[in-house]
N, C-alpha and C. Protein backbone atom coordinates (compact mmCIF):
# COMPACT_ATOMS: atom_id res chain seq x y z
N MET A 1 0.81 -1.23 0.02
CA MET A 1 0.06 -0.08 -0.07
C MET A 1 0.82 1.23 -0.09
N GLY A 2 0.49 2.28 -0.87
CA GLY A 2 1.22 3.53 -0.81
C GLY A 2 1.16 4.39 0.27
N MET A 3 1.86 5.60 0.22
CA MET A 3 1.82 6.51 1.23
C MET A 3 0.66 7.31 1.24
N SER A 4 0.35 7.82 2.30
CA SER A 4 -0.91 8.76 2.30
C SER A 4 -0.37 10.07 1.63
N LYS A 5 -1.52 10.86 1.31
CA LYS A 5 -1.09 12.27 0.61
C LYS A 5 -0.20 12.99 1.42
N GLN A 6 -0.52 13.06 2.86
CA GLN A 6 0.32 13.96 3.80
C GLN A 6 1.74 13.42 3.78
N GLU A 7 1.74 12.08 3.99
CA GLU A 7 3.22 11.47 3.83
C GLU A 7 4.01 11.85 2.66
N ARG A 8 3.17 11.64 1.58
CA ARG A 8 4.01 11.77 0.24
C ARG A 8 4.40 13.37 0.17
N HIS A 9 3.56 14.30 0.62
CA HIS A 9 3.86 15.67 0.60
C HIS A 9 5.25 15.90 1.38
N LEU A 10 5.17 15.28 2.60
CA LEU A 10 6.45 15.36 3.44
C LEU A 10 7.59 14.80 2.69
N PHE A 11 7.54 13.68 2.12
CA PHE A 11 8.56 12.96 1.50
C PHE A 11 8.96 13.79 0.23
N LEU A 12 7.95 14.28 -0.64
CA LEU A 12 8.37 15.10 -1.61
C LEU A 12 9.18 16.38 -1.20
N MET A 13 8.79 16.97 -0.26
CA MET A 13 9.52 18.13 0.23
C MET A 13 10.90 17.61 0.66
N SER A 14 10.97 16.66 1.28
CA SER A 14 12.38 16.13 1.77
C SER A 14 13.30 15.83 0.52
N LEU A 15 12.63 15.19 -0.51
CA LEU A 15 13.53 14.97 -1.73
C LEU A 15 13.90 16.22 -2.41
N LEU A 16 13.04 17.31 -2.55
CA LEU A 16 13.41 18.51 -3.24
C LEU A 16 14.23 19.21 -2.46
N ASN A 17 14.31 19.20 -1.10
CA ASN A 17 15.39 19.83 -0.24
C ASN A 17 16.69 19.26 -0.48
N GLU A 18 16.80 18.03 -0.60
CA GLU A 18 17.98 17.38 -0.95
C GLU A 18 18.46 17.59 -2.37
N ASN A 19 17.65 17.56 -3.14
CA ASN A 19 17.95 17.78 -4.66
C ASN A 19 16.91 18.54 -5.31
N PRO A 20 17.03 20.00 -5.39
CA PRO A 20 16.03 20.65 -6.16
C PRO A 20 15.88 20.49 -7.72
N PHE A 21 16.97 19.58 -8.28
CA PHE A 21 17.00 19.45 -9.69
C PHE A 21 16.37 18.11 -10.15
N LEU A 22 15.50 17.50 -9.23
CA LEU A 22 14.65 16.30 -9.60
C LEU A 22 13.56 16.68 -10.58
N LYS A 23 13.35 16.12 -11.63
CA LYS A 23 12.17 16.18 -12.64
C LYS A 23 11.06 15.61 -12.05
N ASP A 24 9.78 16.04 -12.53
CA ASP A 24 8.66 15.29 -12.21
C ASP A 24 8.68 13.83 -12.34
N GLU A 25 9.19 13.32 -13.42
CA GLU A 25 9.32 11.95 -13.76
C GLU A 25 10.13 11.17 -12.55
N GLU A 26 11.19 11.71 -12.20
CA GLU A 26 12.10 11.12 -11.10
C GLU A 26 11.37 11.24 -9.70
N LEU A 27 10.61 12.29 -9.42
CA LEU A 27 9.87 12.48 -8.28
C LEU A 27 8.73 11.37 -8.31
N ALA A 28 8.02 11.25 -9.41
CA ALA A 28 6.93 10.30 -9.44
C ALA A 28 7.40 8.87 -9.18
N ALA A 29 8.67 8.42 -9.77
CA ALA A 29 9.23 7.19 -9.59
C ALA A 29 9.61 6.99 -8.12
N GLU A 30 10.13 8.05 -7.48
CA GLU A 30 10.49 7.87 -5.92
C GLU A 30 9.46 7.62 -5.04
N CYS A 31 8.31 8.37 -5.47
CA CYS A 31 7.00 8.31 -4.72
C CYS A 31 6.08 7.13 -5.11
N GLY A 32 6.38 6.44 -6.21
CA GLY A 32 5.54 5.57 -6.68
C GLY A 32 4.11 5.92 -7.07
N VAL A 33 4.11 7.14 -7.76
CA VAL A 33 2.88 7.54 -8.21
C VAL A 33 3.03 8.25 -9.65
N SER A 34 1.96 8.48 -10.24
CA SER A 34 2.10 9.05 -11.52
C SER A 34 2.53 10.54 -11.67
N VAL A 35 3.07 10.75 -12.81
CA VAL A 35 3.60 12.25 -12.94
C VAL A 35 2.55 13.30 -12.68
N SER A 36 1.33 12.95 -13.08
CA SER A 36 0.20 14.00 -12.93
C SER A 36 -0.04 14.16 -11.40
N THR A 37 0.09 13.04 -10.69
CA THR A 37 -0.22 13.18 -9.22
C THR A 37 0.91 14.08 -8.58
N ILE A 38 2.30 13.93 -9.07
CA ILE A 38 3.25 14.71 -8.66
C ILE A 38 2.98 16.30 -8.96
N ARG A 39 2.40 16.47 -10.22
CA ARG A 39 2.13 17.78 -10.43
C ARG A 39 1.12 18.43 -9.74
N ASN A 40 -0.02 17.60 -9.32
CA ASN A 40 -0.96 18.04 -8.58
C ASN A 40 -0.44 18.38 -7.08
N ASP A 41 0.46 17.48 -6.52
CA ASP A 41 1.13 17.74 -5.36
C ASP A 41 1.70 18.98 -5.23
N ARG A 42 2.59 19.19 -6.38
CA ARG A 42 3.41 20.33 -6.40
C ARG A 42 2.60 21.76 -6.40
N ALA A 43 1.50 21.53 -7.06
CA ALA A 43 0.51 22.70 -7.23
C ALA A 43 -0.09 23.05 -5.81
N GLU A 44 -0.54 21.96 -5.15
CA GLU A 44 -1.12 22.13 -3.86
C GLU A 44 -0.14 22.67 -2.79
N MET A 45 1.12 22.28 -2.89
CA MET A 45 2.23 22.64 -1.96
C MET A 45 2.98 24.06 -2.40
N GLY A 46 2.67 24.53 -3.67
CA GLY A 46 3.17 25.76 -4.06
C GLY A 46 4.61 25.48 -4.49
N ILE A 47 5.05 24.46 -4.92
CA ILE A 47 6.29 24.08 -5.36
C ILE A 47 6.41 24.32 -6.83
N SER A 48 7.28 25.11 -7.29
CA SER A 48 7.39 25.53 -8.69
C SER A 48 7.84 24.44 -9.50
N GLU A 49 7.66 24.48 -10.99
CA GLU A 49 8.15 23.45 -11.86
C GLU A 49 9.64 23.38 -11.80
N TYR A 50 10.11 22.40 -12.47
CA TYR A 50 11.62 22.13 -12.52
C TYR A 50 12.34 23.33 -12.89
N ARG A 51 11.98 23.87 -14.26
CA ARG A 51 12.80 25.04 -14.70
C ARG A 51 12.95 26.18 -13.76
N GLU A 52 11.80 26.64 -13.06
CA GLU A 52 11.72 27.64 -12.01
C GLU A 52 12.66 27.26 -10.81
N ARG A 53 12.53 25.93 -10.45
CA ARG A 53 13.44 25.53 -9.21
C ARG A 53 14.85 25.69 -9.66
N VAL A 54 15.24 25.34 -10.78
CA VAL A 54 16.67 25.49 -11.26
C VAL A 54 17.12 26.91 -11.27
N LYS A 55 16.10 27.74 -11.85
CA LYS A 55 16.54 29.10 -11.92
C LYS A 55 16.71 29.71 -10.63
N SER A 56 15.74 29.34 -9.56
CA SER A 56 15.80 29.92 -8.24
C SER A 56 16.97 29.53 -7.54
N ALA A 57 17.36 28.13 -7.74
CA ALA A 57 18.62 27.62 -7.04
C ALA A 57 19.86 28.35 -7.42
N ALA A 58 19.80 28.70 -8.81
CA ALA A 58 21.04 29.44 -9.32
C ALA A 58 21.01 30.73 -8.74
N GLU A 59 19.94 31.33 -8.41
CA GLU A 59 19.82 32.70 -7.76
C GLU A 59 19.99 32.67 -6.35
N GLY A 60 20.08 31.45 -5.78
CA GLY A 60 20.29 31.35 -4.29
C GLY A 60 18.91 31.49 -3.50
N GLU A 61 17.83 31.35 -4.10
CA GLU A 61 16.52 31.67 -3.50
C GLU A 61 15.63 30.41 -3.35
N LEU A 62 16.24 29.26 -3.35
CA LEU A 62 15.31 28.11 -3.24
C LEU A 62 14.70 28.06 -1.81
N HIS A 63 13.34 27.69 -1.92
CA HIS A 63 12.51 27.59 -0.63
C HIS A 63 12.56 28.81 0.13
N GLY A 64 12.72 29.91 -0.49
CA GLY A 64 12.51 31.22 0.38
C GLY A 64 13.81 31.47 1.19
N SER A 65 14.95 30.60 1.02
CA SER A 65 16.01 30.78 1.73
C SER A 65 16.68 32.31 1.74
N GLU A 66 17.20 32.79 2.69
CA GLU A 66 17.93 34.17 2.51
C GLU A 66 19.20 33.95 1.63
N LYS A 67 19.39 34.92 0.94
CA LYS A 67 20.49 34.99 0.02
C LYS A 67 21.76 35.06 0.90
N LYS A 68 22.76 34.22 0.84
CA LYS A 68 23.99 34.26 1.54
C LYS A 68 25.13 34.94 0.77
N GLU A 69 24.75 35.38 -0.43
CA GLU A 69 25.85 36.19 -1.21
C GLU A 69 25.86 37.74 -0.81
N GLU A 70 26.99 38.33 -0.63
CA GLU A 70 27.18 39.64 -0.19
C GLU A 70 28.08 40.34 -1.12
N LEU A 71 27.74 41.44 -1.79
CA LEU A 71 28.64 42.31 -2.51
C LEU A 71 29.36 43.25 -1.64
N LEU A 72 30.66 43.12 -1.54
CA LEU A 72 31.37 43.95 -0.63
C LEU A 72 31.94 45.23 -1.32
N ASP A 73 32.42 45.25 -2.55
CA ASP A 73 33.00 46.31 -3.19
C ASP A 73 32.68 46.17 -4.67
N LEU A 74 32.48 47.30 -5.40
CA LEU A 74 32.21 47.29 -6.73
C LEU A 74 32.59 48.66 -7.31
N THR A 75 33.33 48.59 -8.28
CA THR A 75 33.73 49.57 -9.15
C THR A 75 33.14 49.20 -10.61
N LEU A 76 32.18 49.84 -11.06
CA LEU A 76 31.40 49.49 -12.25
C LEU A 76 32.50 49.44 -13.39
N TYR A 77 32.33 48.54 -14.30
CA TYR A 77 33.25 48.32 -15.41
C TYR A 77 34.59 48.13 -15.06
N GLU A 78 35.06 47.86 -13.91
CA GLU A 78 36.40 47.65 -13.52
C GLU A 78 36.51 46.45 -12.77
N ASN A 79 36.05 46.29 -11.32
CA ASN A 79 36.17 45.26 -10.49
C ASN A 79 35.29 45.07 -9.40
N GLY A 80 35.21 43.98 -8.82
CA GLY A 80 34.25 43.81 -7.63
C GLY A 80 34.74 42.65 -6.82
N ILE A 81 34.11 42.76 -5.50
CA ILE A 81 34.48 41.65 -4.54
C ILE A 81 33.02 41.15 -3.94
N SER A 82 32.88 39.97 -3.86
CA SER A 82 31.69 39.42 -3.16
C SER A 82 32.06 38.19 -2.40
N ILE A 83 31.32 37.85 -1.37
CA ILE A 83 31.32 36.67 -0.65
C ILE A 83 30.14 35.86 -0.69
N LEU A 84 30.47 34.56 -0.41
CA LEU A 84 29.09 33.67 -0.28
C LEU A 84 29.41 32.57 0.82
N GLU A 85 28.57 32.59 1.76
CA GLU A 85 28.64 31.59 2.85
C GLU A 85 28.08 30.29 2.31
N THR A 86 28.70 29.29 2.03
CA THR A 86 28.05 27.94 1.58
C THR A 86 27.56 27.24 2.87
N ASP A 87 26.59 26.41 2.32
CA ASP A 87 25.84 25.37 3.37
C ASP A 87 25.46 24.23 2.69
N SER A 88 24.73 23.32 3.50
CA SER A 88 24.41 21.91 3.05
C SER A 88 23.40 22.02 1.87
N THR A 89 22.64 23.02 1.80
CA THR A 89 21.62 23.05 0.77
C THR A 89 22.42 23.28 -0.73
N MET A 90 23.69 23.59 -0.60
CA MET A 90 24.41 23.65 -1.99
C MET A 90 25.22 22.46 -2.24
N SER A 91 25.27 21.51 -1.34
CA SER A 91 26.11 20.31 -1.55
C SER A 91 25.28 19.07 -2.05
N PHE A 92 26.05 18.20 -2.57
CA PHE A 92 25.39 16.82 -3.08
C PHE A 92 24.94 16.03 -1.94
N HIS A 93 23.84 15.30 -2.21
CA HIS A 93 23.11 14.43 -1.27
C HIS A 93 24.22 13.66 -0.46
N ASN A 94 24.10 13.54 0.79
CA ASN A 94 24.96 12.76 1.64
C ASN A 94 26.41 13.08 1.50
N THR A 95 26.65 14.36 1.03
CA THR A 95 28.07 14.79 1.32
C THR A 95 28.19 16.26 1.59
N ASP A 96 29.36 16.77 1.93
CA ASP A 96 29.45 18.24 2.30
C ASP A 96 30.25 18.90 0.98
N MET A 97 30.34 18.28 -0.22
CA MET A 97 30.92 18.79 -1.40
C MET A 97 30.01 19.78 -1.99
N VAL A 98 30.30 20.91 -2.19
CA VAL A 98 29.38 21.90 -2.86
C VAL A 98 29.40 21.71 -4.33
N LYS A 99 28.16 21.87 -4.79
CA LYS A 99 27.90 21.58 -6.32
C LYS A 99 28.59 22.63 -7.21
N SER A 100 29.08 22.22 -8.39
CA SER A 100 29.77 23.08 -9.20
C SER A 100 28.88 24.27 -9.60
N GLN A 101 27.49 23.98 -9.89
CA GLN A 101 26.59 24.93 -10.41
C GLN A 101 26.47 26.08 -9.47
N CYS A 102 26.60 25.86 -8.13
CA CYS A 102 26.53 26.93 -7.07
C CYS A 102 27.71 27.82 -7.25
N ILE A 103 28.82 27.24 -7.56
CA ILE A 103 30.02 28.06 -7.59
C ILE A 103 30.05 28.97 -8.89
N TYR A 104 29.54 28.11 -9.93
CA TYR A 104 29.63 28.83 -11.30
C TYR A 104 28.50 30.07 -11.11
N ALA A 105 27.39 29.71 -10.62
CA ALA A 105 26.35 30.78 -10.52
C ALA A 105 27.03 32.01 -9.65
N PHE A 106 27.75 31.81 -8.55
CA PHE A 106 28.17 32.77 -7.78
C PHE A 106 29.27 33.62 -8.58
N ALA A 107 30.10 32.97 -9.37
CA ALA A 107 31.03 33.78 -10.31
C ALA A 107 30.33 34.46 -11.38
N GLU A 108 29.32 33.97 -11.90
CA GLU A 108 28.61 34.59 -13.06
C GLU A 108 27.86 35.79 -12.59
N ASN A 109 27.23 35.72 -11.37
CA ASN A 109 26.52 36.89 -10.69
C ASN A 109 27.58 38.07 -10.49
N LEU A 110 28.67 37.79 -10.08
CA LEU A 110 29.66 38.94 -9.95
C LEU A 110 30.08 39.43 -11.19
N ALA A 111 30.18 38.71 -12.23
CA ALA A 111 30.67 39.21 -13.44
C ALA A 111 29.46 40.11 -14.12
N LEU A 112 28.35 39.76 -13.93
CA LEU A 112 27.02 40.44 -14.28
C LEU A 112 27.06 41.78 -13.59
N SER A 113 27.31 41.79 -12.27
CA SER A 113 27.26 42.89 -11.29
C SER A 113 28.24 43.93 -11.76
N VAL A 114 29.43 43.51 -12.14
CA VAL A 114 30.55 44.36 -12.35
C VAL A 114 30.37 45.17 -13.76
N ILE A 115 29.66 44.55 -14.63
CA ILE A 115 29.39 45.12 -15.98
C ILE A 115 27.92 45.80 -15.90
N ASN A 116 27.24 45.87 -14.76
CA ASN A 116 26.07 46.65 -14.49
C ASN A 116 24.83 46.26 -15.53
N ALA A 117 24.97 44.96 -15.87
CA ALA A 117 23.98 44.38 -16.79
C ALA A 117 22.70 43.76 -16.15
N ASP A 118 21.49 44.27 -16.66
CA ASP A 118 20.27 43.64 -16.17
C ASP A 118 20.16 42.23 -16.92
N ALA A 119 20.75 42.11 -18.16
CA ALA A 119 20.58 40.94 -18.86
C ALA A 119 21.76 40.84 -19.86
N ALA A 120 22.45 39.70 -19.72
CA ALA A 120 23.64 39.48 -20.66
C ALA A 120 23.66 37.99 -21.12
N LEU A 121 24.19 37.86 -22.18
CA LEU A 121 24.52 36.55 -22.82
C LEU A 121 26.00 36.01 -22.46
N VAL A 122 26.00 35.02 -21.78
CA VAL A 122 27.35 34.44 -21.60
C VAL A 122 27.70 33.89 -23.04
N LYS A 123 28.48 34.45 -23.80
CA LYS A 123 28.82 33.72 -25.05
C LYS A 123 29.87 32.73 -24.85
N VAL A 124 30.89 32.79 -24.03
CA VAL A 124 31.87 31.83 -23.90
C VAL A 124 32.29 31.91 -22.25
N ALA A 125 32.41 30.88 -21.71
CA ALA A 125 32.88 30.91 -20.31
C ALA A 125 34.03 29.72 -20.21
N ASN A 126 35.21 30.04 -19.89
CA ASN A 126 36.43 29.14 -19.73
C ASN A 126 36.50 29.06 -18.23
N VAL A 127 36.14 27.87 -17.65
CA VAL A 127 36.26 27.80 -16.11
C VAL A 127 36.97 26.65 -15.71
N LYS A 128 37.60 27.00 -14.54
CA LYS A 128 38.45 25.88 -13.89
C LYS A 128 38.12 25.68 -12.44
N TYR A 129 37.66 24.44 -11.99
CA TYR A 129 37.50 24.12 -10.67
C TYR A 129 38.79 23.48 -10.16
N VAL A 130 39.60 24.40 -9.20
CA VAL A 130 40.83 24.02 -8.76
C VAL A 130 40.75 23.02 -7.76
N SER A 131 39.84 23.11 -6.75
CA SER A 131 39.81 22.21 -5.70
C SER A 131 38.22 22.07 -5.17
N VAL A 132 38.02 21.08 -4.31
CA VAL A 132 36.67 21.05 -3.69
C VAL A 132 36.34 21.90 -2.67
N VAL A 133 34.96 22.46 -2.79
CA VAL A 133 34.67 23.37 -1.78
C VAL A 133 33.57 22.53 -0.97
N ARG A 134 33.78 22.76 0.62
CA ARG A 134 32.97 22.08 1.36
C ARG A 134 31.78 22.93 2.02
N ALA A 135 30.77 22.48 2.26
CA ALA A 135 29.64 23.28 2.88
C ALA A 135 30.28 23.88 4.11
N GLY A 136 29.95 25.06 4.35
CA GLY A 136 30.33 25.76 5.44
C GLY A 136 31.39 26.74 5.29
N GLU A 137 32.13 26.64 4.14
CA GLU A 137 33.32 27.29 3.79
C GLU A 137 32.72 28.76 3.20
N LYS A 138 33.45 29.67 3.42
CA LYS A 138 33.26 31.05 2.91
C LYS A 138 34.03 31.22 1.67
N LEU A 139 33.31 31.61 0.64
CA LEU A 139 33.97 31.78 -0.71
C LEU A 139 34.05 33.43 -0.92
N VAL A 140 35.36 33.74 -1.28
CA VAL A 140 35.48 35.14 -1.65
C VAL A 140 35.83 35.26 -3.18
N ALA A 141 35.09 35.99 -3.82
CA ALA A 141 35.27 36.11 -5.34
C ALA A 141 35.65 37.69 -5.60
N LYS A 142 36.69 37.69 -6.49
CA LYS A 142 37.14 38.94 -7.01
C LYS A 142 36.99 38.88 -8.55
N SER A 143 36.49 40.00 -9.05
CA SER A 143 36.44 40.13 -10.51
C SER A 143 37.13 41.34 -11.10
N ARG A 144 37.40 41.21 -12.37
CA ARG A 144 38.22 42.25 -13.07
C ARG A 144 37.73 42.25 -14.52
N VAL A 145 37.41 43.43 -14.90
CA VAL A 145 36.88 43.59 -16.28
C VAL A 145 38.19 43.77 -17.00
N ILE A 146 38.45 42.90 -18.09
CA ILE A 146 39.60 42.95 -18.92
C ILE A 146 39.49 43.72 -20.28
N ARG A 147 38.11 43.61 -20.80
CA ARG A 147 37.91 44.18 -22.00
C ARG A 147 36.52 44.77 -21.98
N ASN A 148 36.31 46.00 -22.52
CA ASN A 148 34.91 46.61 -22.61
C ASN A 148 34.90 47.08 -23.85
N HIS A 149 34.01 46.61 -24.92
CA HIS A 149 34.05 47.06 -26.38
C HIS A 149 32.56 46.99 -26.91
N ASP A 150 31.93 48.07 -27.06
CA ASP A 150 30.69 48.10 -27.69
C ASP A 150 29.52 47.11 -27.08
N GLY A 151 29.46 47.11 -25.84
CA GLY A 151 28.50 46.14 -25.12
C GLY A 151 29.06 44.70 -24.95
N GLU A 152 30.31 44.42 -25.15
CA GLU A 152 30.85 43.16 -25.00
C GLU A 152 31.97 43.34 -24.19
N PHE A 153 32.06 42.29 -23.11
CA PHE A 153 33.07 42.33 -22.12
C PHE A 153 33.68 41.03 -21.84
N ILE A 154 34.88 41.13 -21.45
CA ILE A 154 35.62 40.00 -20.95
C ILE A 154 35.94 40.19 -19.49
N VAL A 155 35.42 39.29 -18.58
CA VAL A 155 35.49 39.40 -17.11
C VAL A 155 36.24 38.26 -16.47
N HIS A 156 37.32 38.43 -15.73
CA HIS A 156 37.98 37.40 -14.94
C HIS A 156 37.40 37.32 -13.63
N VAL A 157 37.01 36.16 -13.15
CA VAL A 157 36.59 36.05 -11.73
C VAL A 157 37.36 34.89 -11.11
N PHE A 158 38.02 35.16 -9.95
CA PHE A 158 38.80 34.16 -9.13
C PHE A 158 38.09 34.10 -7.70
N ILE A 159 37.93 32.79 -7.35
CA ILE A 159 37.23 32.65 -6.13
C ILE A 159 38.29 31.87 -5.20
N THR A 160 38.33 32.26 -4.05
CA THR A 160 39.21 31.61 -3.00
C THR A 160 38.67 31.18 -1.70
N VAL A 161 39.11 30.23 -1.03
CA VAL A 161 38.63 29.88 0.32
C VAL A 161 39.83 29.97 1.25
N GLU A 162 39.93 30.75 2.10
CA GLU A 162 41.00 30.99 3.05
C GLU A 162 42.21 31.27 2.37
N MET A 163 42.23 32.11 1.18
CA MET A 163 43.30 32.65 0.44
C MET A 163 43.81 31.65 -0.51
N LYS A 164 43.19 30.47 -0.62
CA LYS A 164 43.55 29.40 -1.70
C LYS A 164 42.58 29.37 -2.82
N GLU A 165 43.12 29.52 -4.18
CA GLU A 165 42.09 29.54 -5.17
C GLU A 165 41.52 28.22 -5.29
N VAL A 166 39.99 28.45 -5.52
CA VAL A 166 39.27 27.00 -5.77
C VAL A 166 38.65 27.01 -7.21
N PHE A 167 38.52 28.31 -7.69
CA PHE A 167 37.73 28.36 -9.02
C PHE A 167 38.40 29.59 -9.66
N ARG A 168 38.42 29.46 -11.02
CA ARG A 168 38.72 30.69 -11.98
C ARG A 168 37.97 30.70 -13.21
N GLY A 169 37.55 31.82 -13.68
CA GLY A 169 36.80 31.80 -14.85
C GLY A 169 37.10 33.12 -15.67
N LYS A 170 36.92 32.79 -17.04
CA LYS A 170 36.97 34.06 -17.78
C LYS A 170 35.66 33.95 -18.64
N PHE A 171 34.93 35.15 -18.48
CA PHE A 171 33.53 35.20 -19.01
C PHE A 171 33.57 36.09 -20.11
N SER A 172 33.05 35.62 -21.36
CA SER A 172 32.94 36.59 -22.42
C SER A 172 31.41 36.97 -22.43
N LEU A 173 30.97 38.16 -22.12
CA LEU A 173 29.58 38.57 -21.97
C LEU A 173 29.18 39.61 -23.04
N GLU A 174 27.93 39.52 -23.39
CA GLU A 174 27.32 40.39 -24.35
C GLU A 174 26.14 41.10 -23.61
N VAL A 175 26.14 42.28 -23.46
CA VAL A 175 24.93 42.94 -22.93
C VAL A 175 23.69 42.89 -23.92
N ILE A 176 22.63 42.43 -23.39
CA ILE A 176 21.47 42.40 -24.29
C ILE A 176 20.50 43.50 -23.98
N GLU A 177 20.38 43.85 -22.59
CA GLU A 177 19.67 45.01 -22.34
C GLU A 177 20.29 45.40 -20.97
N GLY A 178 20.05 46.67 -20.51
CA GLY A 178 20.61 47.08 -19.18
C GLY A 178 21.13 48.39 -19.42
N LYS A 179 21.79 48.61 -18.26
CA LYS A 179 22.46 50.06 -18.18
C LYS A 179 23.85 49.90 -18.77
N LEU A 180 24.29 50.64 -19.73
CA LEU A 180 25.65 50.79 -20.17
C LEU A 180 26.19 52.29 -19.98
């Protein structure tokens, strides 16, 4: 016999807290119900669809959690510094290893902030993850605009933990709309 609706809702919430990137089909398989049941459950619980959850997670706003990213210094079109307090919501299930997409989103947000863009296309991103980041560690990101030509920018972002580099990226960005 299957779970009650209340039990399923609790289980569904725990699954999504552990991994917000589960699709409806995966949730249905985990819960032993149809995809339409999962969609109905999500609607009743106010849980957004997969695309919105991914977008929210990238912005650090999943399940209404407060943003743990703070911009410390910014000189538009030149450089910026930001910090991010990592936690277990950013790590892989049953580990304390922070997911690479959280680190990438942090770097991309700083790159967008320094060029003052409301919207920009990342044309090319050359990134390197130098070492593992653990939940609870504080990331410090520093960005520098290398080139600014007709709405196209090259921005370098370096992220460290306790003065040791853990990530570096070179972003080629084209401003689509926004303040220039």
